[in-house]
């Protein structure tokens, strides 16, 4: 089991990968990066990625993309970790 620091680092890597791939990652990439997560935990990671404008298996639609103002609570939360 990974610690919080390792988890945050992997989360940053998958977020960066999504940005490099045009705003999305695949479900396979998510499960490769986080093989130890159960379905509920994977869903939470996918939800976080959507909130930082990274889609799963496809880029987010324009209506789903958060503005910088809407992202602030999530950015602050990650910075605390």
C-alpha atoms as a PDB file:
ATOM      1  CA  UNK A   1       0.000   0.000   0.000  1.00  0.00           C
ATOM      2  CA  UNK A   2       1.359   3.407  -0.914  1.00  0.00           C
ATOM      3  CA  UNK A   3       1.591   6.353   1.441  1.00  0.00           C
ATOM      4  CA  UNK A   4      -0.031   9.751   0.863  1.00  0.00           C
ATOM      5  CA  UNK A   5       3.103  11.275  -0.658  1.00  0.00           C
ATOM      6  CA  UNK A   6       3.421   8.450  -3.207  1.00  0.00           C
ATOM      7  CA  UNK A   7      -0.287   8.666  -3.992  1.00  0.00           C
ATOM      8  CA  UNK A   8      -0.079  12.434  -4.554  1.00  0.00           C
ATOM      9  CA  UNK A   9       2.956  11.963  -6.811  1.00  0.00           C
ATOM     10  CA  UNK A  10       1.179   9.310  -8.898  1.00  0.00           C
ATOM     11  CA  UNK A  11      -1.911  11.492  -9.084  1.00  0.00           C
ATOM     12  CA  UNK A  12       0.220  14.359 -10.382  1.00  0.00           C
ATOM     13  CA  UNK A  13       1.799  12.076 -12.970  1.00  0.00           C
ATOM     14  CA  UNK A  14      -1.543  10.826 -14.260  1.00  0.00           C
ATOM     15  CA  UNK A  15      -2.884  14.403 -14.348  1.00  0.00           C
ATOM     16  CA  UNK A  16       0.157  15.514 -16.361  1.00  0.00           C
ATOM     17  CA  UNK A  17      -0.237  12.557 -18.711  1.00  0.00           C
ATOM     18  CA  UNK A  18      -3.858  13.505 -19.278  1.00  0.00           C
ATOM     19  CA  UNK A  19      -2.875  17.068 -20.120  1.00  0.00           C
ATOM     20  CA  UNK A  20      -0.238  15.818 -22.584  1.00  0.00           C
ATOM     21  CA  UNK A  21      -2.791  13.542 -24.260  1.00  0.00           C
ATOM     22  CA  UNK A  22      -5.253  16.311 -24.984  1.00  0.00           C
ATOM     23  CA  UNK A  23      -7.179  16.366 -21.732  1.00  0.00           C
ATOM     24  CA  UNK A  24      -7.909  12.708 -21.026  1.00  0.00           C
ATOM     25  CA  UNK A  25      -6.500   9.393 -19.872  1.00  0.00           C
ATOM     26  CA  UNK A  26      -7.775   5.892 -20.521  1.00  0.00           C
ATOM     27  CA  UNK A  27      -9.298   3.626 -17.912  1.00  0.00           C
ATOM     28  CA  UNK A  28      -6.389   1.262 -18.566  1.00  0.00           C
ATOM     29  CA  UNK A  29      -3.873   4.010 -17.776  1.00  0.00           C
ATOM     30  CA  UNK A  30      -5.723   4.775 -14.559  1.00  0.00           C
ATOM     31  CA  UNK A  31      -5.719   1.129 -13.466  1.00  0.00           C
ATOM     32  CA  UNK A  32      -2.035   0.748 -14.433  1.00  0.00           C
ATOM     33  CA  UNK A  33      -1.093   3.787 -12.351  1.00  0.00           C
ATOM     34  CA  UNK A  34      -3.280   2.742  -9.401  1.00  0.00           C
ATOM     35  CA  UNK A  35      -3.634  -1.081  -9.534  1.00  0.00           C
ATOM     36  CA  UNK A  36      -4.385  -1.352  -5.814  1.00  0.00           C
ATOM     37  CA  UNK A  37      -7.517   0.818  -5.873  1.00  0.00           C
ATOM     38  CA  UNK A  38     -10.949  -0.742  -5.626  1.00  0.00           C
ATOM     39  CA  UNK A  39     -13.889   0.464  -7.756  1.00  0.00           C
ATOM     40  CA  UNK A  40     -15.006   3.124  -5.263  1.00  0.00           C
ATOM     41  CA  UNK A  41     -11.490   4.533  -4.912  1.00  0.00           C
ATOM     42  CA  UNK A  42     -10.988   4.532  -8.703  1.00  0.00           C
ATOM     43  CA  UNK A  43     -14.259   6.417  -9.069  1.00  0.00           C
ATOM     44  CA  UNK A  44     -13.005   9.039  -6.595  1.00  0.00           C
ATOM     45  CA  UNK A  45      -9.773   9.472  -8.561  1.00  0.00           C
ATOM     46  CA  UNK A  46     -11.778   9.761 -11.793  1.00  0.00           C
ATOM     47  CA  UNK A  47     -13.998  12.375 -10.139  1.00  0.00           C
ATOM     48  CA  UNK A  48     -10.922  14.360  -9.064  1.00  0.00           C
ATOM     49  CA  UNK A  49      -9.528  14.170 -12.605  1.00  0.00           C
ATOM     50  CA  UNK A  50     -12.814  15.486 -14.030  1.00  0.00           C
ATOM     51  CA  UNK A  51     -12.629  18.384 -11.588  1.00  0.00           C
ATOM     52  CA  UNK A  52      -9.190  19.283 -12.924  1.00  0.00           C
ATOM     53  CA  UNK A  53     -10.467  18.987 -16.507  1.00  0.00           C
ATOM     54  CA  UNK A  54      -9.076  15.538 -17.327  1.00  0.00           C
ATOM     55  CA  UNK A  55     -11.582  13.154 -18.888  1.00  0.00           C
ATOM     56  CA  UNK A  56     -11.638   9.382 -18.740  1.00  0.00           C
ATOM     57  CA  UNK A  57     -11.402   7.679 -22.159  1.00  0.00           C
ATOM     58  CA  UNK A  58     -12.287  10.980 -23.874  1.00  0.00           C
ATOM     59  CA  UNK A  59     -11.716  14.701 -23.348  1.00  0.00           C
ATOM     60  CA  UNK A  60     -14.405  16.476 -21.334  1.00  0.00           C
ATOM     61  CA  UNK A  61     -17.159  18.338 -23.130  1.00  0.00           C
ATOM     62  CA  UNK A  62     -16.950  22.138 -22.902  1.00  0.00           C
ATOM     63  CA  UNK A  63     -19.878  22.231 -20.453  1.00  0.00           C
ATOM     64  CA  UNK A  64     -18.003  19.878 -18.089  1.00  0.00           C
ATOM     65  CA  UNK A  65     -14.803  21.933 -17.874  1.00  0.00           C
ATOM     66  CA  UNK A  66     -14.357  23.924 -14.671  1.00  0.00           C
ATOM     67  CA  UNK A  67     -13.215  27.513 -14.677  1.00  0.00           C
ATOM     68  CA  UNK A  68     -10.129  28.586 -12.691  1.00  0.00           C
ATOM     69  CA  UNK A  69     -12.445  29.969 -10.013  1.00  0.00           C
ATOM     70  CA  UNK A  70     -14.297  26.655  -9.735  1.00  0.00           C
ATOM     71  CA  UNK A  71     -10.971  24.753  -9.480  1.00  0.00           C
ATOM     72  CA  UNK A  72      -9.631  26.737  -6.505  1.00  0.00           C
ATOM     73  CA  UNK A  73     -11.098  24.531  -3.751  1.00  0.00           C
ATOM     74  CA  UNK A  74      -9.520  21.423  -5.333  1.00  0.00           C
ATOM     75  CA  UNK A  75      -6.139  23.051  -5.924  1.00  0.00           C
ATOM     76  CA  UNK A  76      -6.025  24.217  -2.317  1.00  0.00           C
ATOM     77  CA  UNK A  77      -6.962  20.756  -1.066  1.00  0.00           C
ATOM     78  CA  UNK A  78      -4.199  19.051  -3.066  1.00  0.00           C
ATOM     79  CA  UNK A  79      -1.617  21.649  -1.981  1.00  0.00           C
ATOM     80  CA  UNK A  80      -2.326  20.833   1.664  1.00  0.00           C
ATOM     81  CA  UNK A  81      -1.371  17.199   1.107  1.00  0.00           C
END
